Amino acid sequence: MSNPAAKYTDEFRCETADYIISTGRPITECCAELGLNSKTVNKWVQNRRRELAGGPDPKAEDRELREAKRRMRELEMENAFLKKSRGLLRQKPGVAACYRMMLAEKAEFPVKMMARVLGVSRSGFYSWLSNGCPREDWSAEREAVRRVWLESDRRFGFRFVKCFLPGEFSGLTLYRVRKLMRELGIRGCTPNDRKRTTIPDPKARPRPDLVRRDFTSPVPTCKLVGDITYLRTGEGWLYLSTVIDLNTRMVVGWSLSERMTADIVVSALASAKSRGYVAGNAIFHADRGAQYTSRLLAEWARDNDVRLSCSRAGNCHDNAVAESFLATLKNEMYYRRSFPTRDSAKHAVVEFIEAYYNRRRPRSTIGYKVPAEAMAAFFERTEPKLEAMPMAA
């Protein structure tokens, strides 16, 4: 759900439009993943295409073609199941016989479709399944686990796989999911070592540590952390600056640049501020890199009512949340791909942050919720209260 009061920076508009143009997918579909308003983004894409003057324009009939292909696949699946069930249907089988066939074929065909073809109810099948039907193996469960793992682009470990299992497999325990993944020979991404990018300015004035490793916040938008990382491409280095909300763990601001200067930090914070994700008197915590102790950032923070906080020298754990996110980005996306151009890396970062991390990847620290949903719930709770408050005279 997008924030209705959000204002977006030119960089955010440009990067979002470039990402949508590069994917060739419908704008509405991309906006649903990114949590943005499709009408607004459509204008960004049109303006960006005019700027590119001759960039590829997706065909208008692509959506109808995909829908026709999807329906064709469904019909082919129904025909394949009808061929398998033809002998059973000729015998006018009882309900139990239909359920036994559904159990045997549920790894290959959807339960909803089989129930419709056989003329039985799904709820009756699941009730029969839970009341001691014969179980010969765990093939259906293995297939469900493997499907969730593949849909995560081979990123999820057993805890996240369990969160996204379909309803009929929601009763599987963590132990069972982990065992099935071992049997399948699959696993989630594991952390790699991270190189140092924090280069302090010896002349900078020291700032206090206002967080002191307390990475909790009673409400969103009040306590934020940030960090910078590098991405190697075939055209040279690309630097990413992030701003993360400690309450929801959502990446509320980010910026990409070919140079690692203070401008990239200010741009990321300005993006978060324009979208309504930085409250008045909020704390922004980072390491002691020269970009975070710069005069430019100090002036921006003063003008926007933001308190700056810095970790102690040589203590990476003082900024653990920001560093953890960058490690996740590297392990689950960057190390698994190569980027011939800076644009290809930019598109991958936009997709990872906005479509995957913020809107699909659950966080254990917020009860295995998705960050964007937690942030949207906060705005839904607070906006009616703000509208009900009397206006100052």
Protein backbone atom coordinates (compact mmCIF):
# COMPACT_ATOMS: atom_id res chain seq x y z
CA MET A 1 0.00 0.00 0.00
CA SER A 2 1.51 3.36 -1.02
CA ASN A 3 1.58 6.36 1.28
CA PRO A 4 -0.98 8.82 -0.16
CA ALA A 5 0.97 11.84 1.13
CA ALA A 6 4.28 10.70 -0.38
CA LYS A 7 6.39 13.03 -2.50
CA TYR A 8 9.03 11.38 -4.65
CA THR A 9 12.44 12.68 -5.65
CA ASP A 10 13.45 12.98 -9.31
CA GLU A 11 16.00 10.20 -8.81
CA PHE A 12 13.35 7.85 -7.41
CA ARG A 13 11.00 8.60 -10.34
CA CYS A 14 13.76 8.04 -12.89
CA GLU A 15 15.05 4.79 -11.36
CA THR A 16 11.52 3.39 -10.98
CA ALA A 17 10.62 4.23 -14.59
CA ASP A 18 13.88 2.72 -15.88
CA TYR A 19 13.21 -0.46 -13.91
CA ILE A 20 9.67 -0.83 -15.32
CA ILE A 21 10.80 -0.11 -18.89
CA SER A 22 13.64 -2.64 -18.62
CA THR A 23 11.37 -5.44 -17.38
CA GLY A 24 8.78 -4.98 -20.13
CA ARG A 25 6.01 -5.96 -17.70
CA PRO A 26 2.68 -4.11 -17.30
CA ILE A 27 2.88 -0.99 -15.17
CA THR A 28 0.02 -2.14 -12.92
CA GLU A 29 1.79 -5.41 -12.19
CA CYS A 30 5.07 -3.68 -11.30
CA CYS A 31 3.27 -1.08 -9.18
CA ALA A 32 1.53 -3.83 -7.22
CA GLU A 33 4.96 -5.25 -6.37
CA LEU A 34 6.52 -1.86 -5.60
CA GLY A 35 3.55 -0.52 -3.62
CA LEU A 36 3.10 2.54 -5.87
CA ASN A 37 0.11 4.19 -7.55
CA SER A 38 -0.13 2.97 -11.15
CA LYS A 39 -1.55 6.25 -12.52
CA THR A 40 1.31 8.24 -11.02
CA VAL A 41 3.96 5.80 -12.22
CA ASN A 42 2.42 5.72 -15.71
CA LYS A 43 3.21 9.44 -16.04
CA TRP A 44 6.79 8.80 -14.89
CA VAL A 45 7.21 6.08 -17.50
CA GLN A 46 5.75 8.23 -20.30
CA ASN A 47 8.06 11.13 -19.39
CA ARG A 48 11.05 8.80 -19.18
CA ARG A 49 10.30 7.29 -22.58
CA ARG A 50 10.16 10.78 -24.09
CA GLU A 51 13.54 11.50 -22.51
CA LEU A 52 15.04 8.30 -23.86
CA ALA A 53 13.66 9.19 -27.34
CA GLY A 54 13.36 5.84 -28.95
CA GLY A 55 13.58 3.37 -26.05
CA PRO A 56 11.66 0.09 -26.32
CA ASP A 57 7.90 0.48 -25.84
CA PRO A 58 6.00 -2.63 -24.59
CA LYS A 59 3.16 -3.71 -26.88
CA ALA A 60 -0.33 -2.88 -25.70
CA GLU A 61 -1.54 -6.40 -26.34
CA ASP A 62 1.10 -8.06 -24.10
CA ARG A 63 -1.25 -8.25 -21.15
CA GLU A 64 -4.05 -9.86 -23.15
CA LEU A 65 -1.58 -12.31 -24.66
CA ARG A 66 -0.29 -13.35 -21.24
CA GLU A 67 -3.85 -13.80 -19.99
CA ALA A 68 -4.71 -15.94 -23.01
CA LYS A 69 -1.62 -18.07 -22.44
CA ARG A 70 -2.52 -18.49 -18.77
CA ARG A 71 -6.04 -19.62 -19.64
CA MET A 72 -4.63 -21.98 -22.27
CA ARG A 73 -2.34 -23.55 -19.65
CA GLU A 74 -5.32 -24.02 -17.34
CA LEU A 75 -7.33 -25.72 -20.08
CA GLU A 76 -4.39 -27.96 -20.97
CA MET A 77 -4.07 -28.92 -17.30
CA GLU A 78 -7.78 -29.72 -17.04
CA ASN A 79 -7.60 -31.85 -20.19
CA ALA A 80 -4.59 -33.74 -18.84
CA PHE A 81 -6.39 -34.44 -15.57
CA LEU A 82 -9.57 -35.51 -17.40
CA LYS A 83 -7.55 -38.08 -19.34
CA LYS A 84 -6.19 -39.52 -16.09
CA SER A 85 -9.58 -39.53 -14.36
CA ARG A 86 -11.63 -40.79 -17.33
CA GLY A 87 -11.65 -44.39 -16.11
CA LEU A 88 -12.67 -43.35 -12.61
CA LEU A 89 -15.48 -41.08 -13.82
CA ARG A 90 -16.97 -43.86 -15.96
CA GLN A 91 -17.45 -45.96 -12.81
CA LYS A 92 -19.47 -43.24 -11.03
CA PRO A 93 -17.09 -43.34 -8.07
CA GLY A 94 -17.83 -42.51 -4.47
CA VAL A 95 -16.43 -39.45 -2.72
CA ALA A 96 -13.63 -41.43 -1.03
CA ALA A 97 -12.41 -42.75 -4.39
CA CYS A 98 -12.28 -39.18 -5.73
CA TYR A 99 -10.34 -38.06 -2.67
CA ARG A 100 -7.83 -40.89 -3.13
CA MET A 101 -7.22 -39.84 -6.71
CA MET A 102 -6.83 -36.19 -5.67
CA LEU A 103 -4.26 -37.26 -3.07
CA ALA A 104 -2.33 -39.22 -5.68
CA GLU A 105 -2.32 -36.32 -8.18
CA LYS A 106 -2.10 -33.26 -5.90
CA ALA A 107 1.61 -32.84 -6.54
CA GLU A 108 0.89 -32.35 -10.26
CA PHE A 109 -2.55 -30.70 -10.39
CA PRO A 110 -4.18 -27.95 -8.26
CA VAL A 111 -6.65 -29.25 -5.68
CA LYS A 112 -9.22 -26.61 -6.65
CA MET A 113 -9.23 -27.73 -10.28
CA MET A 114 -9.41 -31.45 -9.43
CA ALA A 115 -12.30 -30.89 -7.01
CA ARG A 116 -14.22 -28.98 -9.69
CA VAL A 117 -13.69 -31.67 -12.33
CA LEU A 118 -14.59 -34.55 -9.97
CA GLY A 119 -17.57 -32.72 -8.46
CA VAL A 120 -16.40 -32.82 -4.82
CA SER A 121 -15.59 -30.11 -2.29
CA ARG A 122 -12.10 -28.97 -1.34
CA SER A 123 -13.05 -28.63 2.33
CA GLY A 124 -14.25 -32.24 2.35
CA PHE A 125 -10.96 -33.37 0.82
CA TYR A 126 -8.88 -31.52 3.42
CA SER A 127 -11.06 -32.90 6.21
CA TRP A 128 -10.56 -36.42 4.83
CA LEU A 129 -6.84 -35.71 4.52
CA SER A 130 -6.55 -34.65 8.16
CA ASN A 131 -8.51 -37.62 9.50
CA GLY A 132 -5.95 -40.31 8.86
CA CYS A 133 -5.95 -40.96 5.12
CA PRO A 134 -3.20 -43.33 3.93
CA ARG A 135 0.14 -41.52 3.58
CA GLU A 136 2.80 -43.30 1.59
CA ASP A 137 5.38 -40.53 1.27
CA TRP A 138 5.98 -36.78 1.50
CA SER A 139 6.20 -36.13 -2.24
CA ALA A 140 3.51 -33.42 -2.25
CA GLU A 141 5.11 -31.65 0.69
CA ARG A 142 8.53 -31.84 -0.97
CA GLU A 143 7.12 -30.29 -4.12
CA ALA A 144 5.47 -27.48 -2.14
CA VAL A 145 8.71 -26.74 -0.28
CA ARG A 146 10.72 -26.76 -3.50
CA ARG A 147 8.20 -24.47 -5.23
CA VAL A 148 8.35 -21.86 -2.46
CA TRP A 149 12.15 -22.01 -2.47
CA LEU A 150 12.29 -21.54 -6.26
CA GLU A 151 9.79 -18.65 -6.14
CA SER A 152 12.13 -16.90 -3.69
CA ASP A 153 14.86 -17.14 -6.35
CA ARG A 154 16.61 -19.79 -4.20
CA ARG A 155 17.04 -17.32 -1.32
CA PHE A 156 14.79 -18.62 1.50
CA GLY A 157 15.93 -20.85 4.33
CA PHE A 158 13.58 -23.28 6.08
CA ARG A 159 12.01 -20.63 8.37
CA PHE A 160 10.96 -18.35 5.49
CA VAL A 161 9.88 -21.33 3.38
CA LYS A 162 7.47 -22.38 6.15
CA CYS A 163 5.98 -18.85 6.24
CA PHE A 164 5.05 -19.02 2.55
CA LEU A 165 3.78 -22.60 2.29
CA PRO A 166 0.22 -22.90 0.89
CA GLY A 167 -2.63 -23.42 3.35
CA GLU A 168 -2.83 -27.19 2.98
CA PHE A 169 0.81 -27.46 4.09
CA SER A 170 0.72 -24.82 6.84
CA GLY A 171 0.69 -27.53 9.50
CA LEU A 172 4.23 -28.66 8.66
CA THR A 173 6.67 -28.05 11.51
CA LEU A 174 10.00 -26.27 11.14
CA TYR A 175 11.71 -29.60 11.75
CA ARG A 176 9.80 -31.23 8.88
CA VAL A 177 10.44 -28.34 6.47
CA ARG A 178 14.16 -28.39 7.29
CA LYS A 179 14.26 -32.18 6.81
CA LEU A 180 12.48 -31.97 3.46
CA MET A 181 14.91 -29.27 2.27
CA ARG A 182 17.84 -31.48 3.26
CA GLU A 183 16.34 -34.40 1.34
CA LEU A 184 15.91 -32.14 -1.70
CA GLY A 185 19.48 -30.86 -1.37
CA ILE A 186 18.43 -27.20 -1.21
CA ARG A 187 19.29 -24.45 1.26
CA GLY A 188 18.95 -20.71 1.77
CA CYS A 189 21.62 -18.08 1.14
CA THR A 190 24.47 -17.93 3.65
CA PRO A 191 26.45 -14.80 4.62
CA ASN A 192 29.79 -13.94 3.03
CA ASP A 193 32.55 -11.73 4.40
CA ARG A 194 32.03 -8.01 3.85
CA LYS A 195 34.82 -5.65 2.85
CA ARG A 196 35.38 -2.35 4.60
CA THR A 197 33.85 0.78 3.08
CA THR A 198 33.87 3.05 6.16
CA ILE A 199 36.61 5.66 5.74
CA PRO A 200 36.50 8.14 8.66
CA ASP A 201 37.41 11.82 8.41
CA PRO A 202 40.05 12.52 11.10
CA LYS A 203 39.09 16.23 11.14
CA ALA A 204 35.36 15.68 11.65
CA ARG A 205 33.72 16.63 14.93
CA PRO A 206 32.61 13.57 16.93
CA ARG A 207 28.87 12.97 17.29
CA PRO A 208 27.16 11.15 20.16
CA ASP A 209 25.81 7.62 19.88
CA LEU A 210 22.08 8.16 20.52
CA VAL A 211 21.13 4.55 19.74
CA ARG A 212 23.64 2.58 21.88
CA ARG A 213 22.75 -0.70 20.17
CA ASP A 214 19.06 -0.32 21.04
CA PHE A 215 17.68 -1.24 17.61
CA THR A 216 14.05 -0.95 18.65
CA SER A 217 11.57 1.87 18.16
CA PRO A 218 8.05 2.24 19.60
CA VAL A 219 6.65 3.58 16.32
CA PRO A 220 7.88 3.86 12.71
CA THR A 221 9.61 6.94 11.22
CA CYS A 222 11.26 7.98 14.52
CA LYS A 223 14.53 6.00 14.59
CA LEU A 224 16.47 5.31 11.38
CA VAL A 225 19.83 3.78 10.48
CA GLY A 226 21.91 3.91 7.31
CA ASP A 227 25.03 2.65 5.60
CA ILE A 228 26.83 2.65 2.23
CA THR A 229 28.02 -0.27 0.12
CA TYR A 230 29.66 -0.73 -3.26
CA LEU A 231 28.64 -2.72 -6.33
CA ARG A 232 31.16 -3.66 -9.01
CA THR A 233 29.89 -3.48 -12.61
CA GLY A 234 31.46 -3.84 -16.04
CA GLU A 235 31.47 -0.04 -16.32
CA GLY A 236 33.00 0.63 -12.90
CA TRP A 237 31.85 1.08 -9.30
CA LEU A 238 28.31 1.90 -8.22
CA TYR A 239 27.58 2.99 -4.64
CA LEU A 240 24.33 2.44 -2.73
CA SER A 241 23.24 4.45 0.32
CA THR A 242 20.29 3.21 2.38
CA VAL A 243 17.95 4.45 5.13
CA ILE A 244 16.18 1.78 7.22
CA ASP A 245 13.32 2.22 9.69
CA LEU A 246 14.06 0.35 12.93
CA ASN A 247 10.42 -0.30 13.83
CA THR A 248 9.35 -1.98 10.57
CA ARG A 249 12.81 -2.83 9.14
CA MET A 250 11.62 -1.27 5.87
CA VAL A 251 14.18 0.36 3.54
CA VAL A 252 12.47 3.75 3.42
CA GLY A 253 15.12 5.59 1.42
CA TRP A 254 17.96 4.73 -0.93
CA SER A 255 20.19 6.41 -3.49
CA LEU A 256 22.65 5.20 -6.14
CA SER A 257 25.68 7.10 -7.42
CA GLU A 258 28.97 6.61 -9.24
CA ARG A 259 30.74 8.52 -6.44
CA MET A 260 30.79 7.82 -2.70
CA THR A 261 30.22 11.38 -1.43
CA ALA A 262 27.96 13.00 1.16
CA ASP A 263 25.46 13.80 -1.61
CA ILE A 264 24.43 10.15 -1.84
CA VAL A 265 23.55 10.09 1.89
CA VAL A 266 21.55 13.33 1.69
CA SER A 267 19.74 12.04 -1.40
CA ALA A 268 18.69 8.82 0.38
CA LEU A 269 17.44 10.75 3.42
CA ALA A 270 15.62 13.29 1.25
CA SER A 271 13.87 10.43 -0.56
CA ALA A 272 12.71 8.94 2.75
CA LYS A 273 11.61 12.36 4.03
CA SER A 274 9.62 13.18 0.87
CA ARG A 275 7.69 9.90 1.19
CA GLY A 276 6.65 10.65 4.77
CA TYR A 277 9.01 8.17 6.44
CA VAL A 278 11.04 10.63 8.57
CA ALA A 279 9.24 12.16 11.56
CA GLY A 280 10.17 15.44 13.22
CA ASN A 281 13.05 15.11 15.70
CA ALA A 282 13.84 11.65 14.31
CA ILE A 283 17.21 10.00 14.98
CA PHE A 284 19.41 8.96 12.05
CA HIS A 285 22.23 6.64 13.10
CA ALA A 286 25.22 5.61 10.97
CA ASP A 287 28.93 4.83 11.21
CA ARG A 288 31.76 7.38 11.37
CA GLY A 289 32.43 7.45 7.64
CA ALA A 290 33.31 10.82 6.16
CA GLN A 291 29.97 10.98 4.35
CA TYR A 292 28.04 10.77 7.66
CA THR A 293 30.20 13.31 9.51
CA SER A 294 30.17 15.83 6.65
CA ARG A 295 29.00 19.43 6.90
CA LEU A 296 26.52 18.87 4.05
CA LEU A 297 24.67 16.18 6.02
CA ALA A 298 24.76 18.27 9.20
CA GLU A 299 23.14 21.21 7.40
CA TRP A 300 20.43 18.99 5.90
CA ALA A 301 19.69 17.44 9.29
CA ARG A 302 19.41 20.86 10.92
CA ASP A 303 17.04 22.14 8.23
CA ASN A 304 14.84 19.01 8.44
CA ASP A 305 14.73 18.54 12.23
CA VAL A 306 16.74 15.30 12.27
CA ARG A 307 19.17 14.32 15.04
CA LEU A 308 22.40 12.70 13.84
CA SER A 309 23.99 9.80 15.70
CA CYS A 310 27.26 7.95 15.05
CA SER A 311 28.57 4.59 16.19
CA ARG A 312 31.86 4.27 18.01
CA ALA A 313 35.05 3.93 15.97
CA GLY A 314 35.78 0.34 14.98
CA ASN A 315 32.50 -1.07 16.36
CA CYS A 316 30.54 -2.53 13.45
CA HIS A 317 27.94 -3.97 15.86
CA ASP A 318 26.88 -0.42 16.76
CA ASN A 319 25.26 -0.24 13.31
CA ALA A 320 24.30 -3.91 13.02
CA VAL A 321 20.87 -3.48 11.39
CA ALA A 322 22.15 -1.40 8.48
CA GLU A 323 25.12 -3.71 7.95
CA SER A 324 22.87 -6.76 8.14
CA PHE A 325 20.65 -5.44 5.34
CA LEU A 326 23.62 -4.79 3.06
CA ALA A 327 24.91 -8.30 3.76
CA THR A 328 21.48 -9.66 2.82
CA LEU A 329 21.48 -7.68 -0.43
CA LYS A 330 24.94 -8.96 -1.32
CA ASN A 331 24.22 -12.60 -0.45
CA GLU A 332 20.72 -12.87 -1.91
CA MET A 333 21.21 -10.80 -5.06
CA TYR A 334 24.63 -9.28 -5.82
CA TYR A 335 26.94 -12.29 -5.38
CA ARG A 336 24.65 -14.48 -7.47
CA ARG A 337 24.70 -12.33 -10.60
CA SER A 338 27.03 -10.29 -12.79
CA PHE A 339 26.34 -6.75 -13.98
CA PRO A 340 27.85 -5.64 -17.30
CA THR A 341 26.53 -2.08 -16.91
CA ARG A 342 25.65 0.29 -14.09
CA ASP A 343 22.06 0.42 -15.35
CA SER A 344 21.69 -3.35 -14.97
CA ALA A 345 22.89 -3.08 -11.37
CA LYS A 346 20.50 -0.18 -10.70
CA HIS A 347 17.53 -2.15 -11.99
CA ALA A 348 18.50 -5.15 -9.86
CA VAL A 349 18.78 -2.97 -6.74
CA VAL A 350 15.37 -1.36 -7.36
CA GLU A 351 13.76 -4.77 -7.81
CA PHE A 352 15.48 -6.26 -4.75
CA ILE A 353 14.61 -3.40 -2.37
CA GLU A 354 11.16 -2.32 -3.52
CA ALA A 355 9.67 -5.54 -4.95
CA TYR A 356 11.36 -8.23 -2.87
CA TYR A 357 12.83 -7.02 0.44
CA ASN A 358 10.17 -4.46 1.38
CA ARG A 359 7.13 -6.35 0.05
CA ARG A 360 7.87 -10.08 -0.02
CA ARG A 361 10.60 -10.97 2.48
CA PRO A 362 9.31 -11.49 6.05
CA ARG A 363 11.38 -10.23 8.99
CA SER A 364 11.70 -12.30 12.15
CA THR A 365 12.19 -9.16 14.28
CA ILE A 366 8.65 -7.96 13.46
CA GLY A 367 6.94 -11.33 13.90
CA TYR A 368 7.63 -12.63 10.38
CA LYS A 369 5.64 -9.79 8.83
CA VAL A 370 6.55 -8.01 5.60
CA PRO A 371 8.06 -4.51 6.22
CA ALA A 372 5.79 -2.63 3.80
CA GLU A 373 2.68 -4.18 5.34
CA ALA A 374 3.83 -3.17 8.83
CA MET A 375 4.44 0.40 7.64
CA ALA A 376 1.07 0.56 5.85
CA ALA A 377 -0.68 -0.66 9.00
CA PHE A 378 0.95 2.18 10.95
CA PHE A 379 -0.32 4.83 8.52
CA GLU A 380 -3.80 3.27 8.53
CA ARG A 381 -3.89 3.58 12.33
CA THR A 382 -2.50 7.10 12.59
CA GLU A 383 -4.05 8.96 9.64
CA PRO A 384 -7.66 8.82 10.96
CA LYS A 385 -6.44 10.17 14.31
CA LEU A 386 -4.58 13.03 12.63
CA GLU A 387 -7.63 13.93 10.54
CA ALA A 388 -9.79 13.99 13.68
CA MET A 389 -7.48 16.44 15.48
CA PRO A 390 -8.76 20.06 15.57
CA MET A 391 -6.89 22.53 13.40
CA ALA A 392 -4.80 25.14 15.22
CA ALA A 393 -6.26 28.63 15.14
